[in-house]
Amino acid sequence: MENSSKEDYKIQSFDIETQKLLKTALKEPGLVNLEKVANIIVEQSLKDQLFSKEAGRICYTIVQAEATQNNGNVFRRTLLNRLQMEFKRREETRKGSLQEWVCYVTFICNIFDYLKVNNMPMVALVHPVYDCLLRLSQPDALQNEEEVDCLVLQLHRIGDQLEKVNGPRMDELFCLLRDGFLLQEGLGSMARLLLLEILEFRAGGWTLSTTAQNYYYSEVTD
């Protein structure tokens, strides 16, 4: 998890009034409608991929501030309810907008990474996150470079954490990825490279040797 103490939250994409609302929520959550704040963050995360990567840090700060100031959990409860609602319609989302689907996966994985209970991942998020990543590992998704890229990025970020809380599901996921890499016809060269890299990454204990890093990085940038 990245440093959460930075103050440079990327909220410039919002209008001035919403920026003020978010800034207040980050410091004095008791002064604002936290259900509204949670919904604003979710809505923006579903349409803005850059923000969906930043949102976990913002949510973490608001959750911590609310718990510290008044021992509340309105924001976290609303956030998790919205994540669950969006999760239930994930296939509909994927069919309607691939970008929104990728943003959702990025967002829920980001929340999984940041929001902990006693320094452990939130149990309520483990299976939904796995279900999303398993969907990205299906043959039709592996044909789409945007989905493969999203899958690999999330596994780099939270794969190790996920495996610790449920190893068998990670085995299931990597069986799909191995089959996709070895057996699937019509796989793009970049998708194949990304799959090979993530297979090697997990095999190495969720790390890559310097040599492997240099190889994959040079291939991706060429």
C-alpha atoms as a PDB file:
ATOM      1  CA  MET A   1       0.000   0.000   0.000  1.00  0.00           C
ATOM      2  CA  GLU A   2       1.294   3.441  -0.881  1.00  0.00           C
ATOM      3  CA  ASN A   3       1.907   6.259   1.576  1.00  0.00           C
ATOM      4  CA  SER A   4      -1.486   7.552   2.689  1.00  0.00           C
ATOM      5  CA  SER A   5      -0.202  10.658   4.429  1.00  0.00           C
ATOM      6  CA  LYS A   6       0.340  12.709   1.283  1.00  0.00           C
ATOM      7  CA  GLU A   7      -1.945  15.675   0.869  1.00  0.00           C
ATOM      8  CA  ASP A   8      -1.914  15.839  -2.930  1.00  0.00           C
ATOM      9  CA  TYR A   9      -5.198  14.026  -3.508  1.00  0.00           C
ATOM     10  CA  LYS A  10      -6.086  14.161  -7.183  1.00  0.00           C
ATOM     11  CA  ILE A  11      -9.509  15.793  -7.031  1.00  0.00           C
ATOM     12  CA  GLN A  12      -8.961  18.502  -9.650  1.00  0.00           C
ATOM     13  CA  SER A  13     -11.341  16.779 -12.070  1.00  0.00           C
ATOM     14  CA  PHE A  14     -14.274  17.775  -9.835  1.00  0.00           C
ATOM     15  CA  ASP A  15     -16.023  21.148  -9.866  1.00  0.00           C
ATOM     16  CA  ILE A  16     -14.997  23.647  -7.181  1.00  0.00           C
ATOM     17  CA  GLU A  17     -17.973  22.934  -4.921  1.00  0.00           C
ATOM     18  CA  THR A  18     -17.333  19.172  -4.979  1.00  0.00           C
ATOM     19  CA  GLN A  19     -13.631  19.729  -4.341  1.00  0.00           C
ATOM     20  CA  LYS A  20     -14.542  21.712  -1.215  1.00  0.00           C
ATOM     21  CA  LEU A  21     -16.904  18.919  -0.110  1.00  0.00           C
ATOM     22  CA  LEU A  22     -14.181  16.287  -0.531  1.00  0.00           C
ATOM     23  CA  LYS A  23     -11.544  18.392   1.211  1.00  0.00           C
ATOM     24  CA  THR A  24     -13.882  18.857   4.169  1.00  0.00           C
ATOM     25  CA  ALA A  25     -14.678  15.116   4.242  1.00  0.00           C
ATOM     26  CA  LEU A  26     -10.948  14.336   4.346  1.00  0.00           C
ATOM     27  CA  LYS A  27     -10.378  16.523   7.420  1.00  0.00           C
ATOM     28  CA  GLU A  28     -13.737  17.082   9.137  1.00  0.00           C
ATOM     29  CA  PRO A  29     -16.041  14.262   7.961  1.00  0.00           C
ATOM     30  CA  GLY A  30     -18.627  15.072  10.611  1.00  0.00           C
ATOM     31  CA  LEU A  31     -19.417  18.335   8.840  1.00  0.00           C
ATOM     32  CA  VAL A  32     -20.595  16.807   5.547  1.00  0.00           C
ATOM     33  CA  ASN A  33     -23.070  14.264   4.199  1.00  0.00           C
ATOM     34  CA  LEU A  34     -20.831  11.201   3.976  1.00  0.00           C
ATOM     35  CA  GLU A  35     -23.355   9.139   1.998  1.00  0.00           C
ATOM     36  CA  LYS A  36     -23.224  11.817  -0.681  1.00  0.00           C
ATOM     37  CA  VAL A  37     -19.424  11.853  -0.555  1.00  0.00           C
ATOM     38  CA  ALA A  38     -19.217   8.067  -0.948  1.00  0.00           C
ATOM     39  CA  ASN A  39     -21.546   8.102  -3.945  1.00  0.00           C
ATOM     40  CA  ILE A  40     -19.602  10.945  -5.592  1.00  0.00           C
ATOM     41  CA  ILE A  41     -16.360   8.991  -5.235  1.00  0.00           C
ATOM     42  CA  VAL A  42     -17.891   5.799  -6.645  1.00  0.00           C
ATOM     43  CA  GLU A  43     -19.497   7.590  -9.600  1.00  0.00           C
ATOM     44  CA  GLN A  44     -16.237   9.329 -10.507  1.00  0.00           C
ATOM     45  CA  SER A  45     -14.247   6.106 -10.111  1.00  0.00           C
ATOM     46  CA  LEU A  46     -16.494   4.335 -12.626  1.00  0.00           C
ATOM     47  CA  LYS A  47     -15.774   6.855 -15.367  1.00  0.00           C
ATOM     48  CA  ASP A  48     -12.258   8.087 -14.611  1.00  0.00           C
ATOM     49  CA  GLN A  49      -9.534   5.428 -14.565  1.00  0.00           C
ATOM     50  CA  LEU A  50      -6.904   7.755 -13.126  1.00  0.00           C
ATOM     51  CA  PHE A  51      -9.203   8.650 -10.256  1.00  0.00           C
ATOM     52  CA  SER A  52     -10.150   4.997  -9.676  1.00  0.00           C
ATOM     53  CA  LYS A  53      -6.456   4.373  -8.922  1.00  0.00           C
ATOM     54  CA  GLU A  54      -6.388   7.287  -6.463  1.00  0.00           C
ATOM     55  CA  ALA A  55      -9.734   6.675  -4.797  1.00  0.00           C
ATOM     56  CA  GLY A  56      -8.560   4.024  -2.341  1.00  0.00           C
ATOM     57  CA  ARG A  57      -6.227   6.482  -0.662  1.00  0.00           C
ATOM     58  CA  ILE A  58      -8.978   9.091  -0.404  1.00  0.00           C
ATOM     59  CA  CYS A  59     -11.452   6.562   1.010  1.00  0.00           C
ATOM     60  CA  TYR A  60      -8.886   5.291   3.511  1.00  0.00           C
ATOM     61  CA  THR A  61      -8.315   8.834   4.806  1.00  0.00           C
ATOM     62  CA  ILE A  62     -12.037   9.552   5.177  1.00  0.00           C
ATOM     63  CA  VAL A  63     -12.685   6.201   6.919  1.00  0.00           C
ATOM     64  CA  GLN A  64      -9.833   6.873   9.354  1.00  0.00           C
ATOM     65  CA  ALA A  65     -10.966  10.454  10.005  1.00  0.00           C
ATOM     66  CA  GLU A  66     -14.590   9.430  10.629  1.00  0.00           C
ATOM     67  CA  ALA A  67     -13.581   6.615  12.975  1.00  0.00           C
ATOM     68  CA  THR A  68     -11.193   8.856  14.886  1.00  0.00           C
ATOM     69  CA  GLN A  69     -13.484  11.862  15.232  1.00  0.00           C
ATOM     70  CA  ASN A  70     -16.808  10.274  16.094  1.00  0.00           C
ATOM     71  CA  ASN A  71     -16.271   6.507  15.949  1.00  0.00           C
ATOM     72  CA  GLY A  72     -18.578   6.407  12.920  1.00  0.00           C
ATOM     73  CA  ASN A  73     -18.727   4.169   9.869  1.00  0.00           C
ATOM     74  CA  VAL A  74     -21.333   5.860   7.664  1.00  0.00           C
ATOM     75  CA  PHE A  75     -18.852   6.449   4.871  1.00  0.00           C
ATOM     76  CA  ARG A  76     -17.434   2.921   4.895  1.00  0.00           C
ATOM     77  CA  ARG A  77     -20.899   1.335   5.060  1.00  0.00           C
ATOM     78  CA  THR A  78     -22.181   3.420   2.139  1.00  0.00           C
ATOM     79  CA  LEU A  79     -19.043   2.734   0.128  1.00  0.00           C
ATOM     80  CA  LEU A  80     -19.281  -1.030   0.620  1.00  0.00           C
ATOM     81  CA  ASN A  81     -22.994  -1.022  -0.211  1.00  0.00           C
ATOM     82  CA  ARG A  82     -22.297   0.781  -3.487  1.00  0.00           C
ATOM     83  CA  LEU A  83     -19.451  -1.595  -4.318  1.00  0.00           C
ATOM     84  CA  GLN A  84     -21.808  -4.520  -3.722  1.00  0.00           C
ATOM     85  CA  MET A  85     -24.511  -2.967  -5.879  1.00  0.00           C
ATOM     86  CA  GLU A  86     -22.066  -2.368  -8.748  1.00  0.00           C
ATOM     87  CA  PHE A  87     -20.668  -5.873  -8.295  1.00  0.00           C
ATOM     88  CA  LYS A  88     -24.094  -7.417  -8.843  1.00  0.00           C
ATOM     89  CA  ARG A  89     -24.420  -5.658 -12.199  1.00  0.00           C
ATOM     90  CA  ARG A  90     -20.813  -6.220 -13.302  1.00  0.00           C
ATOM     91  CA  GLU A  91     -21.642  -8.316 -16.367  1.00  0.00           C
ATOM     92  CA  GLU A  92     -24.160  -5.728 -17.526  1.00  0.00           C
ATOM     93  CA  THR A  93     -21.522  -3.039 -16.969  1.00  0.00           C
ATOM     94  CA  ARG A  94     -18.925  -4.985 -18.964  1.00  0.00           C
ATOM     95  CA  LYS A  95     -21.307  -5.401 -21.898  1.00  0.00           C
ATOM     96  CA  GLY A  96     -22.284  -1.737 -21.829  1.00  0.00           C
ATOM     97  CA  SER A  97     -18.889  -0.120 -21.314  1.00  0.00           C
ATOM     98  CA  LEU A  98     -15.560  -1.889 -21.154  1.00  0.00           C
ATOM     99  CA  GLN A  99     -13.970   1.269 -19.758  1.00  0.00           C
ATOM    100  CA  GLU A 100     -16.467   1.432 -16.877  1.00  0.00           C
ATOM    101  CA  TRP A 101     -15.902  -2.263 -16.149  1.00  0.00           C
ATOM    102  CA  VAL A 102     -12.114  -1.823 -16.030  1.00  0.00           C
ATOM    103  CA  CYS A 103     -12.565   1.244 -13.817  1.00  0.00           C
ATOM    104  CA  TYR A 104     -14.772  -0.750 -11.443  1.00  0.00           C
ATOM    105  CA  VAL A 105     -12.216  -3.557 -11.128  1.00  0.00           C
ATOM    106  CA  THR A 106      -9.437  -1.027 -10.548  1.00  0.00           C
ATOM    107  CA  PHE A 107     -11.536   0.722  -7.915  1.00  0.00           C
ATOM    108  CA  ILE A 108     -12.594  -2.359  -5.926  1.00  0.00           C
ATOM    109  CA  CYS A 109      -9.018  -3.671  -5.941  1.00  0.00           C
ATOM    110  CA  ASN A 110      -7.798  -0.270  -4.779  1.00  0.00           C
ATOM    111  CA  ILE A 111     -10.321  -0.305  -1.919  1.00  0.00           C
ATOM    112  CA  PHE A 112      -9.266  -3.864  -1.036  1.00  0.00           C
ATOM    113  CA  ASP A 113      -5.657  -2.686  -0.884  1.00  0.00           C
ATOM    114  CA  TYR A 114      -6.320   0.299   1.374  1.00  0.00           C
ATOM    115  CA  LEU A 115      -9.221  -0.539   3.673  1.00  0.00           C
ATOM    116  CA  LYS A 116      -8.176  -2.991   6.366  1.00  0.00           C
ATOM    117  CA  VAL A 117      -9.675  -4.335   9.581  1.00  0.00           C
ATOM    118  CA  ASN A 118      -6.968  -4.854  12.218  1.00  0.00           C
ATOM    119  CA  ASN A 119      -4.397  -4.674   9.413  1.00  0.00           C
ATOM    120  CA  MET A 120      -6.079  -7.555   7.581  1.00  0.00           C
ATOM    121  CA  PRO A 121      -7.976  -7.395   4.261  1.00  0.00           C
ATOM    122  CA  MET A 122     -11.725  -6.945   4.570  1.00  0.00           C
ATOM    123  CA  VAL A 123     -13.334 -10.382   4.322  1.00  0.00           C
ATOM    124  CA  ALA A 124     -16.384  -8.921   2.572  1.00  0.00           C
ATOM    125  CA  LEU A 125     -14.210  -7.877  -0.390  1.00  0.00           C
ATOM    126  CA  VAL A 126     -12.159 -11.052  -0.893  1.00  0.00           C
ATOM    127  CA  HIS A 127     -14.625 -13.055  -2.989  1.00  0.00           C
ATOM    128  CA  PRO A 128     -15.925 -10.106  -5.056  1.00  0.00           C
ATOM    129  CA  VAL A 129     -12.351  -9.135  -5.936  1.00  0.00           C
ATOM    130  CA  TYR A 130     -11.534 -12.727  -6.880  1.00  0.00           C
ATOM    131  CA  ASP A 131     -14.727 -12.970  -8.943  1.00  0.00           C
ATOM    132  CA  CYS A 132     -13.759  -9.837 -10.883  1.00  0.00           C
ATOM    133  CA  LEU A 133     -10.237 -11.094 -11.549  1.00  0.00           C
ATOM    134  CA  LEU A 134     -11.538 -14.507 -12.571  1.00  0.00           C
ATOM    135  CA  ARG A 135     -13.880 -12.792 -15.030  1.00  0.00           C
ATOM    136  CA  LEU A 136     -10.865 -11.002 -16.508  1.00  0.00           C
ATOM    137  CA  SER A 137      -9.196 -14.421 -16.902  1.00  0.00           C
ATOM    138  CA  GLN A 138     -11.927 -15.890 -19.122  1.00  0.00           C
ATOM    139  CA  PRO A 139     -11.112 -16.515 -22.806  1.00  0.00           C
ATOM    140  CA  ASP A 140     -13.213 -13.633 -24.136  1.00  0.00           C
ATOM    141  CA  ALA A 141     -11.548 -11.154 -21.763  1.00  0.00           C
ATOM    142  CA  LEU A 142      -8.049 -12.425 -22.569  1.00  0.00           C
ATOM    143  CA  GLN A 143      -8.696 -11.393 -26.179  1.00  0.00           C
ATOM    144  CA  ASN A 144      -8.955  -7.805 -24.992  1.00  0.00           C
ATOM    145  CA  GLU A 145      -5.656  -6.112 -24.177  1.00  0.00           C
ATOM    146  CA  GLU A 146      -7.322  -3.519 -21.941  1.00  0.00           C
ATOM    147  CA  GLU A 147      -8.749  -6.242 -19.710  1.00  0.00           C
ATOM    148  CA  VAL A 148      -5.488  -8.212 -19.626  1.00  0.00           C
ATOM    149  CA  ASP A 149      -3.607  -5.061 -18.705  1.00  0.00           C
ATOM    150  CA  CYS A 150      -6.078  -4.355 -15.895  1.00  0.00           C
ATOM    151  CA  LEU A 151      -5.829  -7.936 -14.614  1.00  0.00           C
ATOM    152  CA  VAL A 152      -2.034  -7.902 -14.519  1.00  0.00           C
ATOM    153  CA  LEU A 153      -1.897  -4.494 -12.819  1.00  0.00           C
ATOM    154  CA  GLN A 154      -4.270  -5.639 -10.074  1.00  0.00           C
ATOM    155  CA  LEU A 155      -2.366  -8.882  -9.504  1.00  0.00           C
ATOM    156  CA  HIS A 156       0.859  -6.920  -9.180  1.00  0.00           C
ATOM    157  CA  ARG A 157      -0.807  -4.707  -6.617  1.00  0.00           C
ATOM    158  CA  ILE A 158      -2.792  -7.155  -4.475  1.00  0.00           C
ATOM    159  CA  GLY A 159      -2.010 -10.679  -5.713  1.00  0.00           C
ATOM    160  CA  ASP A 160       0.186 -11.516  -2.742  1.00  0.00           C
ATOM    161  CA  GLN A 161      -2.457 -10.273  -0.261  1.00  0.00           C
ATOM    162  CA  LEU A 162      -5.218 -12.200  -2.028  1.00  0.00           C
ATOM    163  CA  GLU A 163      -3.261 -15.438  -2.088  1.00  0.00           C
ATOM    164  CA  LYS A 164      -2.619 -15.220   1.659  1.00  0.00           C
ATOM    165  CA  VAL A 165      -6.350 -15.002   2.436  1.00  0.00           C
ATOM    166  CA  ASN A 166      -7.480 -17.590  -0.123  1.00  0.00           C
ATOM    167  CA  GLY A 167      -4.803 -19.641  -1.880  1.00  0.00           C
ATOM    168  CA  PRO A 168      -7.105 -22.131  -3.668  1.00  0.00           C
ATOM    169  CA  ARG A 169      -8.900 -19.356  -5.582  1.00  0.00           C
ATOM    170  CA  MET A 170      -5.555 -17.929  -6.682  1.00  0.00           C
ATOM    171  CA  ASP A 171      -4.604 -21.415  -7.920  1.00  0.00           C
ATOM    172  CA  GLU A 172      -7.882 -21.502  -9.861  1.00  0.00           C
ATOM    173  CA  LEU A 173      -7.171 -18.098 -11.373  1.00  0.00           C
ATOM    174  CA  PHE A 174      -3.647 -19.017 -12.453  1.00  0.00           C
ATOM    175  CA  CYS A 175      -4.858 -22.289 -14.001  1.00  0.00           C
ATOM    176  CA  LEU A 176      -7.032 -20.141 -16.267  1.00  0.00           C
ATOM    177  CA  LEU A 177      -4.113 -17.837 -17.061  1.00  0.00           C
ATOM    178  CA  ARG A 178      -1.773 -20.745 -17.855  1.00  0.00           C
ATOM    179  CA  ASP A 179      -4.399 -22.333 -20.090  1.00  0.00           C
ATOM    180  CA  GLY A 180      -4.992 -19.019 -21.780  1.00  0.00           C
ATOM    181  CA  PHE A 181      -1.296 -18.490 -22.389  1.00  0.00           C
ATOM    182  CA  LEU A 182      -0.626 -22.024 -23.628  1.00  0.00           C
ATOM    183  CA  LEU A 183      -3.825 -23.009 -25.397  1.00  0.00           C
ATOM    184  CA  GLN A 184      -5.826 -19.976 -26.457  1.00  0.00           C
ATOM    185  CA  GLU A 185      -5.720 -19.128 -30.147  1.00  0.00           C
ATOM    186  CA  GLY A 186      -5.702 -15.570 -31.378  1.00  0.00           C
ATOM    187  CA  LEU A 187      -4.087 -14.108 -28.277  1.00  0.00           C
ATOM    188  CA  GLY A 188      -2.371 -10.794 -29.045  1.00  0.00           C
ATOM    189  CA  SER A 189       1.393 -10.513 -28.640  1.00  0.00           C
ATOM    190  CA  MET A 190       1.092  -7.926 -25.859  1.00  0.00           C
ATOM    191  CA  ALA A 191      -1.514  -9.998 -23.987  1.00  0.00           C
ATOM    192  CA  ARG A 192       0.759 -13.039 -24.296  1.00  0.00           C
ATOM    193  CA  LEU A 193       3.721 -11.063 -22.947  1.00  0.00           C
ATOM    194  CA  LEU A 194       1.680  -9.715 -20.012  1.00  0.00           C
ATOM    195  CA  LEU A 195       0.408 -13.201 -19.139  1.00  0.00           C
ATOM    196  CA  LEU A 196       3.910 -14.679 -19.268  1.00  0.00           C
ATOM    197  CA  GLU A 197       5.173 -11.904 -17.019  1.00  0.00           C
ATOM    198  CA  ILE A 198       2.454 -12.396 -14.385  1.00  0.00           C
ATOM    199  CA  LEU A 199       2.927 -16.180 -14.437  1.00  0.00           C
ATOM    200  CA  GLU A 200       6.624 -15.666 -13.775  1.00  0.00           C
ATOM    201  CA  PHE A 201       5.876 -12.980 -11.184  1.00  0.00           C
ATOM    202  CA  ARG A 202       3.774 -15.316  -9.049  1.00  0.00           C
ATOM    203  CA  ALA A 203       6.122 -18.268  -9.570  1.00  0.00           C
ATOM    204  CA  GLY A 204       8.899 -16.070  -8.154  1.00  0.00           C
ATOM    205  CA  GLY A 205       6.949 -15.411  -4.963  1.00  0.00           C
ATOM    206  CA  TRP A 206       5.257 -12.260  -6.280  1.00  0.00           C
ATOM    207  CA  THR A 207       8.514 -10.710  -7.371  1.00  0.00           C
ATOM    208  CA  LEU A 208      10.672 -10.597 -10.501  1.00  0.00           C
ATOM    209  CA  SER A 209      14.411 -10.822 -10.813  1.00  0.00           C
ATOM    210  CA  THR A 210      16.183  -7.713 -12.103  1.00  0.00           C
ATOM    211  CA  THR A 211      16.924  -9.545 -15.344  1.00  0.00           C
ATOM    212  CA  ALA A 212      13.262 -10.446 -15.838  1.00  0.00           C
ATOM    213  CA  GLN A 213      12.176  -6.895 -14.986  1.00  0.00           C
ATOM    214  CA  ASN A 214      14.569  -5.487 -17.570  1.00  0.00           C
ATOM    215  CA  TYR A 215      13.372  -7.968 -20.187  1.00  0.00           C
ATOM    216  CA  TYR A 216       9.656  -7.339 -19.729  1.00  0.00           C
ATOM    217  CA  TYR A 217      10.051  -3.588 -19.373  1.00  0.00           C
ATOM    218  CA  SER A 218      12.078  -3.348 -22.586  1.00  0.00           C
ATOM    219  CA  GLU A 219       9.540  -5.503 -24.449  1.00  0.00           C
ATOM    220  CA  VAL A 220       6.600  -3.393 -23.285  1.00  0.00           C
ATOM    221  CA  THR A 221       8.271  -0.086 -24.181  1.00  0.00           C
ATOM    222  CA  ASP A 222       9.535  -1.220 -27.608  1.00  0.00           C
END
